[in-house]
Amino acid sequence: EKILGAILFEKTMDDSIEGMPTAQYLWEKLDVVPFLKIDKGLADEQDGVQLMKEMPALDDLLERAVTAGIFGTKMRSVINSNSASGIAAVVEQQFDIAKQILSHGLVPIIEPEVNIKAADKAACEATLKAEILKQLDSIPDGKQVIFKLTLPEEANFYQDIISHAKTLLVVALSGGYDLEEACKRLSQNGGMIASFSRALSNDLSAKQSDDEFNAALKKAIDKIYQASMEGEKSAKAA
């Protein structure tokens, strides 16, 4: 009841739970929206950024995703410094592939992660926002995309993107912040909810018993959910 969606690896999509395909099980049994990670990892850093590696078989993968009952996709790039040309290249690549995904009837999660250790992180975010706003109007009418963005240095920095007609949702990535810091920052950003992976798994260990693992996971989810709700409250108050 506190989880909106789940991002699956390709192998997980192809697997099943209790005899039912994974995506179908998530949606029909748990009301959890299934997404698929489609990128093949990051290219080497160039011009201050890491673009996504080539995805030559993407159309075939997207067709399989539709057949499997997947709702949307996720793809990650990384911005390490405030290079105007590098950030423009990241956003252009993300939007080009997003349009390919939309053509298959799927909803893309665009994830241009800003490295939290970047010396000029706030400047990176300003350049990124400007490039995203340039590209958003090119999304076909009647279509929307989701953004997964690093928690910004300035609270509510991404409101222009959140309120854009071509934006379905903006979710926050934890990006290496620990759970406490990630939740603190999230609670200050109205209109964003969490899509944490690194912060979610901070206190999880293969050495834990099932009960210990489940208890730690529940504690993390409760904290992240509360921070997401605090952000919603601050958005309504504003």
C-alpha atoms as a PDB file:
ATOM      1  CA  GLU A   1       0.000   0.000   0.000  1.00  0.00           C
ATOM      2  CA  LYS A   2       3.025   2.296   0.165  1.00  0.00           C
ATOM      3  CA  ILE A   3       4.604   1.274  -3.134  1.00  0.00           C
ATOM      4  CA  LEU A   4       3.422   2.825  -6.399  1.00  0.00           C
ATOM      5  CA  GLY A   5       5.764   1.114  -8.844  1.00  0.00           C
ATOM      6  CA  ALA A   6       8.662  -1.302  -9.165  1.00  0.00           C
ATOM      7  CA  ILE A   7      11.560  -1.174 -11.632  1.00  0.00           C
ATOM      8  CA  LEU A   8      12.472  -4.609 -12.965  1.00  0.00           C
ATOM      9  CA  PHE A   9      15.542  -5.989 -14.655  1.00  0.00           C
ATOM     10  CA  GLU A  10      14.959  -7.773 -17.963  1.00  0.00           C
ATOM     11  CA  LYS A  11      15.548 -11.175 -16.336  1.00  0.00           C
ATOM     12  CA  THR A  12      12.932 -10.400 -13.667  1.00  0.00           C
ATOM     13  CA  MET A  13      10.411  -9.367 -16.322  1.00  0.00           C
ATOM     14  CA  ASP A  14      10.945 -12.718 -18.043  1.00  0.00           C
ATOM     15  CA  ASP A  15      10.448 -14.608 -14.776  1.00  0.00           C
ATOM     16  CA  SER A  16       7.229 -15.431 -12.927  1.00  0.00           C
ATOM     17  CA  ILE A  17       5.761 -15.325  -9.421  1.00  0.00           C
ATOM     18  CA  GLU A  18       3.446 -18.122  -8.352  1.00  0.00           C
ATOM     19  CA  GLY A  19       3.099 -19.163 -11.983  1.00  0.00           C
ATOM     20  CA  MET A  20       2.149 -15.669 -13.203  1.00  0.00           C
ATOM     21  CA  PRO A  21       4.440 -13.381 -15.275  1.00  0.00           C
ATOM     22  CA  THR A  22       6.129 -10.900 -12.927  1.00  0.00           C
ATOM     23  CA  ALA A  23       4.644  -7.693 -14.355  1.00  0.00           C
ATOM     24  CA  GLN A  24       1.156  -9.180 -14.454  1.00  0.00           C
ATOM     25  CA  TYR A  25       1.500 -10.386 -10.850  1.00  0.00           C
ATOM     26  CA  LEU A  26       2.676  -6.989  -9.607  1.00  0.00           C
ATOM     27  CA  TRP A  27      -0.245  -5.156 -11.202  1.00  0.00           C
ATOM     28  CA  GLU A  28      -3.095  -7.648 -10.769  1.00  0.00           C
ATOM     29  CA  LYS A  29      -2.203  -8.986  -7.314  1.00  0.00           C
ATOM     30  CA  LEU A  30      -0.438  -6.042  -5.658  1.00  0.00           C
ATOM     31  CA  ASP A  31      -1.561  -2.892  -7.554  1.00  0.00           C
ATOM     32  CA  VAL A  32       2.120  -2.097  -8.188  1.00  0.00           C
ATOM     33  CA  VAL A  33       2.949  -0.552 -11.575  1.00  0.00           C
ATOM     34  CA  PRO A  34       5.754  -2.454 -13.390  1.00  0.00           C
ATOM     35  CA  PHE A  35       8.618  -0.606 -15.102  1.00  0.00           C
ATOM     36  CA  LEU A  36      11.563  -2.099 -16.999  1.00  0.00           C
ATOM     37  CA  LYS A  37      15.209  -0.972 -16.844  1.00  0.00           C
ATOM     38  CA  ILE A  38      16.231  -0.808 -20.492  1.00  0.00           C
ATOM     39  CA  ASP A  39      19.677   0.811 -20.580  1.00  0.00           C
ATOM     40  CA  LYS A  40      22.810  -1.288 -21.005  1.00  0.00           C
ATOM     41  CA  GLY A  41      24.911   0.756 -18.606  1.00  0.00           C
ATOM     42  CA  LEU A  42      27.017   3.871 -18.923  1.00  0.00           C
ATOM     43  CA  ALA A  43      29.632   4.793 -21.513  1.00  0.00           C
ATOM     44  CA  ASP A  44      32.987   6.130 -20.322  1.00  0.00           C
ATOM     45  CA  GLU A  45      32.966   9.744 -19.155  1.00  0.00           C
ATOM     46  CA  GLN A  46      33.391  12.318 -21.895  1.00  0.00           C
ATOM     47  CA  ASP A  47      32.783  16.070 -21.751  1.00  0.00           C
ATOM     48  CA  GLY A  48      31.855  15.841 -18.058  1.00  0.00           C
ATOM     49  CA  VAL A  49      29.060  13.276 -18.539  1.00  0.00           C
ATOM     50  CA  GLN A  50      28.386   9.598 -19.074  1.00  0.00           C
ATOM     51  CA  LEU A  51      25.923   8.878 -21.849  1.00  0.00           C
ATOM     52  CA  MET A  52      24.098   5.577 -22.121  1.00  0.00           C
ATOM     53  CA  LYS A  53      25.705   2.781 -24.116  1.00  0.00           C
ATOM     54  CA  GLU A  54      24.139   1.941 -27.465  1.00  0.00           C
ATOM     55  CA  MET A  55      20.927  -0.138 -27.389  1.00  0.00           C
ATOM     56  CA  PRO A  56      20.743  -1.714 -30.868  1.00  0.00           C
ATOM     57  CA  ALA A  57      17.998  -4.222 -29.964  1.00  0.00           C
ATOM     58  CA  LEU A  58      15.804  -1.711 -28.130  1.00  0.00           C
ATOM     59  CA  ASP A  59      12.727  -2.038 -30.353  1.00  0.00           C
ATOM     60  CA  ASP A  60      12.661  -5.808 -29.828  1.00  0.00           C
ATOM     61  CA  LEU A  61      12.989  -5.343 -26.059  1.00  0.00           C
ATOM     62  CA  LEU A  62      10.177  -2.772 -26.009  1.00  0.00           C
ATOM     63  CA  GLU A  63       7.890  -5.117 -27.959  1.00  0.00           C
ATOM     64  CA  ARG A  64       8.606  -7.864 -25.405  1.00  0.00           C
ATOM     65  CA  ALA A  65       7.891  -5.407 -22.590  1.00  0.00           C
ATOM     66  CA  VAL A  66       4.488  -4.547 -24.058  1.00  0.00           C
ATOM     67  CA  THR A  67       3.645  -8.240 -24.384  1.00  0.00           C
ATOM     68  CA  ALA A  68       4.742  -8.829 -20.772  1.00  0.00           C
ATOM     69  CA  GLY A  69       2.411  -6.110 -19.443  1.00  0.00           C
ATOM     70  CA  ILE A  70       5.071  -3.517 -18.595  1.00  0.00           C
ATOM     71  CA  PHE A  71       3.774   0.059 -18.135  1.00  0.00           C
ATOM     72  CA  GLY A  72       6.980   2.032 -18.593  1.00  0.00           C
ATOM     73  CA  THR A  73      10.761   2.011 -18.766  1.00  0.00           C
ATOM     74  CA  LYS A  74      13.778   3.503 -16.990  1.00  0.00           C
ATOM     75  CA  MET A  75      17.136   4.627 -18.401  1.00  0.00           C
ATOM     76  CA  ARG A  76      20.026   6.318 -16.593  1.00  0.00           C
ATOM     77  CA  SER A  77      22.763   8.763 -17.618  1.00  0.00           C
ATOM     78  CA  VAL A  78      25.140  10.588 -15.256  1.00  0.00           C
ATOM     79  CA  ILE A  79      26.267  14.232 -15.141  1.00  0.00           C
ATOM     80  CA  ASN A  80      29.574  14.760 -13.333  1.00  0.00           C
ATOM     81  CA  SER A  81      30.290  18.435 -14.037  1.00  0.00           C
ATOM     82  CA  ASN A  82      28.611  21.527 -15.464  1.00  0.00           C
ATOM     83  CA  SER A  83      29.497  21.084 -19.110  1.00  0.00           C
ATOM     84  CA  ALA A  84      26.823  22.805 -21.218  1.00  0.00           C
ATOM     85  CA  SER A  85      27.546  20.645 -24.266  1.00  0.00           C
ATOM     86  CA  GLY A  86      27.801  17.447 -22.221  1.00  0.00           C
ATOM     87  CA  ILE A  87      24.515  18.027 -20.384  1.00  0.00           C
ATOM     88  CA  ALA A  88      22.791  18.958 -23.653  1.00  0.00           C
ATOM     89  CA  ALA A  89      24.006  15.655 -25.130  1.00  0.00           C
ATOM     90  CA  VAL A  90      22.661  13.699 -22.151  1.00  0.00           C
ATOM     91  CA  VAL A  91      19.232  15.310 -22.369  1.00  0.00           C
ATOM     92  CA  GLU A  92      19.064  14.963 -26.162  1.00  0.00           C
ATOM     93  CA  GLN A  93      19.904  11.249 -25.969  1.00  0.00           C
ATOM     94  CA  GLN A  94      17.362  10.688 -23.204  1.00  0.00           C
ATOM     95  CA  PHE A  95      14.577  12.452 -25.124  1.00  0.00           C
ATOM     96  CA  ASP A  96      15.385  10.746 -28.435  1.00  0.00           C
ATOM     97  CA  ILE A  97      15.065   7.338 -26.798  1.00  0.00           C
ATOM     98  CA  ALA A  98      12.021   8.487 -24.800  1.00  0.00           C
ATOM     99  CA  LYS A  99      10.192   9.210 -28.073  1.00  0.00           C
ATOM    100  CA  GLN A 100      11.099   5.730 -29.331  1.00  0.00           C
ATOM    101  CA  ILE A 101       9.650   4.279 -26.117  1.00  0.00           C
ATOM    102  CA  LEU A 102       6.479   6.371 -26.395  1.00  0.00           C
ATOM    103  CA  SER A 103       5.958   5.059 -29.938  1.00  0.00           C
ATOM    104  CA  HIS A 104       5.519   1.587 -28.429  1.00  0.00           C
ATOM    105  CA  GLY A 105       2.852   2.844 -26.032  1.00  0.00           C
ATOM    106  CA  LEU A 106       5.123   2.750 -22.972  1.00  0.00           C
ATOM    107  CA  VAL A 107       5.890   5.606 -20.553  1.00  0.00           C
ATOM    108  CA  PRO A 108       9.616   6.412 -20.213  1.00  0.00           C
ATOM    109  CA  ILE A 109      11.327   7.393 -16.974  1.00  0.00           C
ATOM    110  CA  ILE A 110      14.036   9.861 -18.045  1.00  0.00           C
ATOM    111  CA  GLU A 111      16.914   9.715 -15.544  1.00  0.00           C
ATOM    112  CA  PRO A 112      19.778  12.189 -16.061  1.00  0.00           C
ATOM    113  CA  GLU A 113      21.403  11.761 -12.634  1.00  0.00           C
ATOM    114  CA  VAL A 114      23.505  14.627 -11.307  1.00  0.00           C
ATOM    115  CA  ASN A 115      26.414  13.210  -9.321  1.00  0.00           C
ATOM    116  CA  ILE A 116      25.966  14.362  -5.706  1.00  0.00           C
ATOM    117  CA  LYS A 117      29.773  14.707  -5.450  1.00  0.00           C
ATOM    118  CA  ALA A 118      29.988  17.161  -8.345  1.00  0.00           C
ATOM    119  CA  ALA A 119      31.812  20.300  -7.170  1.00  0.00           C
ATOM    120  CA  ASP A 120      29.361  22.438  -9.148  1.00  0.00           C
ATOM    121  CA  LYS A 121      26.205  20.402  -8.453  1.00  0.00           C
ATOM    122  CA  ALA A 122      23.841  23.409  -8.244  1.00  0.00           C
ATOM    123  CA  ALA A 123      25.144  24.752 -11.563  1.00  0.00           C
ATOM    124  CA  CYS A 124      24.720  21.297 -13.131  1.00  0.00           C
ATOM    125  CA  GLU A 125      21.100  21.314 -11.984  1.00  0.00           C
ATOM    126  CA  ALA A 126      20.447  24.744 -13.463  1.00  0.00           C
ATOM    127  CA  THR A 127      21.848  23.684 -16.841  1.00  0.00           C
ATOM    128  CA  LEU A 128      19.956  20.399 -16.712  1.00  0.00           C
ATOM    129  CA  LYS A 129      16.628  22.063 -15.947  1.00  0.00           C
ATOM    130  CA  ALA A 130      17.040  24.504 -18.834  1.00  0.00           C
ATOM    131  CA  GLU A 131      17.821  21.680 -21.263  1.00  0.00           C
ATOM    132  CA  ILE A 132      14.868  19.581 -20.081  1.00  0.00           C
ATOM    133  CA  LEU A 133      12.467  22.501 -20.482  1.00  0.00           C
ATOM    134  CA  LYS A 134      13.810  23.064 -24.021  1.00  0.00           C
ATOM    135  CA  GLN A 135      13.072  19.458 -24.937  1.00  0.00           C
ATOM    136  CA  LEU A 136       9.740  18.891 -23.186  1.00  0.00           C
ATOM    137  CA  ASP A 137       7.637  20.656 -25.799  1.00  0.00           C
ATOM    138  CA  SER A 138       8.939  18.204 -28.404  1.00  0.00           C
ATOM    139  CA  ILE A 139       7.099  15.323 -26.726  1.00  0.00           C
ATOM    140  CA  PRO A 140       4.109  14.419 -28.943  1.00  0.00           C
ATOM    141  CA  ASP A 141       0.732  15.830 -27.941  1.00  0.00           C
ATOM    142  CA  GLY A 142      -1.227  13.471 -25.733  1.00  0.00           C
ATOM    143  CA  LYS A 143       1.946  11.827 -24.415  1.00  0.00           C
ATOM    144  CA  GLN A 144       3.731  12.322 -21.092  1.00  0.00           C
ATOM    145  CA  VAL A 145       7.041  11.287 -19.558  1.00  0.00           C
ATOM    146  CA  ILE A 146       8.312  10.687 -16.030  1.00  0.00           C
ATOM    147  CA  PHE A 147      11.547  12.184 -14.692  1.00  0.00           C
ATOM    148  CA  LYS A 148      13.844  10.633 -12.090  1.00  0.00           C
ATOM    149  CA  LEU A 149      16.083  13.424 -10.799  1.00  0.00           C
ATOM    150  CA  THR A 150      18.730  13.863  -8.133  1.00  0.00           C
ATOM    151  CA  LEU A 151      17.458  15.717  -5.059  1.00  0.00           C
ATOM    152  CA  PRO A 152      18.407  19.345  -5.792  1.00  0.00           C
ATOM    153  CA  GLU A 153      20.476  21.809  -3.802  1.00  0.00           C
ATOM    154  CA  GLU A 154      17.624  24.330  -3.850  1.00  0.00           C
ATOM    155  CA  ALA A 155      14.283  23.128  -2.477  1.00  0.00           C
ATOM    156  CA  ASN A 156      11.455  22.993  -5.038  1.00  0.00           C
ATOM    157  CA  PHE A 157      13.928  23.686  -7.824  1.00  0.00           C
ATOM    158  CA  TYR A 158      12.152  21.463 -10.342  1.00  0.00           C
ATOM    159  CA  GLN A 159       8.641  22.930 -10.020  1.00  0.00           C
ATOM    160  CA  ASP A 160       8.661  24.131 -13.658  1.00  0.00           C
ATOM    161  CA  ILE A 161       9.211  20.551 -14.798  1.00  0.00           C
ATOM    162  CA  ILE A 162       6.699  19.094 -12.332  1.00  0.00           C
ATOM    163  CA  SER A 163       3.939  21.437 -13.518  1.00  0.00           C
ATOM    164  CA  HIS A 164       4.644  21.011 -17.263  1.00  0.00           C
ATOM    165  CA  ALA A 165       1.773  19.499 -19.278  1.00  0.00           C
ATOM    166  CA  LYS A 166       4.067  16.840 -20.800  1.00  0.00           C
ATOM    167  CA  THR A 167       5.239  15.638 -17.345  1.00  0.00           C
ATOM    168  CA  LEU A 168       3.333  12.775 -15.761  1.00  0.00           C
ATOM    169  CA  LEU A 169       5.431  12.557 -12.584  1.00  0.00           C
ATOM    170  CA  VAL A 170       8.785  13.573 -11.116  1.00  0.00           C
ATOM    171  CA  VAL A 171      10.444  11.128  -8.746  1.00  0.00           C
ATOM    172  CA  ALA A 172      13.618  11.620  -6.734  1.00  0.00           C
ATOM    173  CA  LEU A 173      16.671   9.380  -6.754  1.00  0.00           C
ATOM    174  CA  SER A 174      18.776   9.115  -3.611  1.00  0.00           C
ATOM    175  CA  GLY A 175      22.041   9.200  -5.566  1.00  0.00           C
ATOM    176  CA  GLY A 176      24.330   8.123  -2.746  1.00  0.00           C
ATOM    177  CA  TYR A 177      22.793  10.207   0.035  1.00  0.00           C
ATOM    178  CA  ASP A 178      22.126   8.037   3.074  1.00  0.00           C
ATOM    179  CA  LEU A 179      18.515   7.365   4.042  1.00  0.00           C
ATOM    180  CA  GLU A 180      18.301  10.199   6.578  1.00  0.00           C
ATOM    181  CA  GLU A 181      19.703  12.865   4.253  1.00  0.00           C
ATOM    182  CA  ALA A 182      17.712  11.631   1.249  1.00  0.00           C
ATOM    183  CA  CYS A 183      14.458  11.730   3.219  1.00  0.00           C
ATOM    184  CA  LYS A 184      15.265  15.172   4.655  1.00  0.00           C
ATOM    185  CA  ARG A 185      15.846  16.589   1.180  1.00  0.00           C
ATOM    186  CA  LEU A 186      12.794  14.858  -0.267  1.00  0.00           C
ATOM    187  CA  SER A 187      10.502  16.279   2.418  1.00  0.00           C
ATOM    188  CA  GLN A 188      11.553  19.784   1.315  1.00  0.00           C
ATOM    189  CA  ASN A 189      10.602  19.225  -2.342  1.00  0.00           C
ATOM    190  CA  GLY A 190       6.900  19.463  -3.051  1.00  0.00           C
ATOM    191  CA  GLY A 191       5.515  17.416  -5.922  1.00  0.00           C
ATOM    192  CA  MET A 192       8.334  14.848  -5.872  1.00  0.00           C
ATOM    193  CA  ILE A 193       8.033  11.343  -4.486  1.00  0.00           C
ATOM    194  CA  ALA A 194      10.824   8.850  -3.838  1.00  0.00           C
ATOM    195  CA  SER A 195      12.332   6.367  -6.232  1.00  0.00           C
ATOM    196  CA  PHE A 196      15.204   5.372  -3.969  1.00  0.00           C
ATOM    197  CA  SER A 197      17.419   2.346  -4.498  1.00  0.00           C
ATOM    198  CA  ARG A 198      20.729   3.041  -2.776  1.00  0.00           C
ATOM    199  CA  ALA A 199      19.119   4.712   0.257  1.00  0.00           C
ATOM    200  CA  LEU A 200      16.449   1.992   0.397  1.00  0.00           C
ATOM    201  CA  SER A 201      19.059  -0.745   0.683  1.00  0.00           C
ATOM    202  CA  ASN A 202      21.360   0.985   3.225  1.00  0.00           C
ATOM    203  CA  ASP A 203      20.412  -1.281   6.120  1.00  0.00           C
ATOM    204  CA  LEU A 204      19.777  -4.505   4.183  1.00  0.00           C
ATOM    205  CA  SER A 205      22.200  -7.420   4.332  1.00  0.00           C
ATOM    206  CA  ALA A 206      22.317 -10.981   3.002  1.00  0.00           C
ATOM    207  CA  LYS A 207      23.418 -12.002   6.506  1.00  0.00           C
ATOM    208  CA  GLN A 208      20.057 -10.986   8.003  1.00  0.00           C
ATOM    209  CA  SER A 209      17.342 -13.537   8.737  1.00  0.00           C
ATOM    210  CA  ASP A 210      14.110 -13.198   6.752  1.00  0.00           C
ATOM    211  CA  ASP A 211      12.448 -11.482   9.704  1.00  0.00           C
ATOM    212  CA  GLU A 212      15.365  -9.065  10.195  1.00  0.00           C
ATOM    213  CA  PHE A 213      15.516  -8.294   6.475  1.00  0.00           C
ATOM    214  CA  ASN A 214      11.771  -7.673   6.220  1.00  0.00           C
ATOM    215  CA  ALA A 215      11.777  -5.492   9.342  1.00  0.00           C
ATOM    216  CA  ALA A 216      14.656  -3.365   8.017  1.00  0.00           C
ATOM    217  CA  LEU A 217      12.980  -3.056   4.615  1.00  0.00           C
ATOM    218  CA  LYS A 218       9.666  -2.044   6.180  1.00  0.00           C
ATOM    219  CA  LYS A 219      11.374   0.572   8.356  1.00  0.00           C
ATOM    220  CA  ALA A 220      13.087   2.098   5.317  1.00  0.00           C
ATOM    221  CA  ILE A 221       9.879   2.083   3.230  1.00  0.00           C
ATOM    222  CA  ASP A 222       7.907   3.711   6.050  1.00  0.00           C
ATOM    223  CA  LYS A 223      10.502   6.484   6.377  1.00  0.00           C
ATOM    224  CA  ILE A 224      10.671   7.076   2.613  1.00  0.00           C
ATOM    225  CA  TYR A 225       6.878   7.069   2.303  1.00  0.00           C
ATOM    226  CA  GLN A 226       6.587   9.629   5.106  1.00  0.00           C
ATOM    227  CA  ALA A 227       9.144  11.898   3.434  1.00  0.00           C
ATOM    228  CA  SER A 228       7.212  11.633   0.161  1.00  0.00           C
ATOM    229  CA  MET A 229       4.017  12.634   1.950  1.00  0.00           C
ATOM    230  CA  GLU A 230       5.761  15.561   3.648  1.00  0.00           C
ATOM    231  CA  GLY A 231       6.822  16.780   0.228  1.00  0.00           C
ATOM    232  CA  GLU A 232       3.216  16.538  -0.979  1.00  0.00           C
ATOM    233  CA  LYS A 233       2.064  18.597   2.013  1.00  0.00           C
ATOM    234  CA  SER A 234       4.647  21.306   1.333  1.00  0.00           C
ATOM    235  CA  ALA A 235       3.528  21.456  -2.309  1.00  0.00           C
ATOM    236  CA  LYS A 236      -0.109  21.967  -1.299  1.00  0.00           C
ATOM    237  CA  ALA A 237       0.855  24.594   1.268  1.00  0.00           C
ATOM    238  CA  ALA A 238       2.840  26.499  -1.369  1.00  0.00           C
END
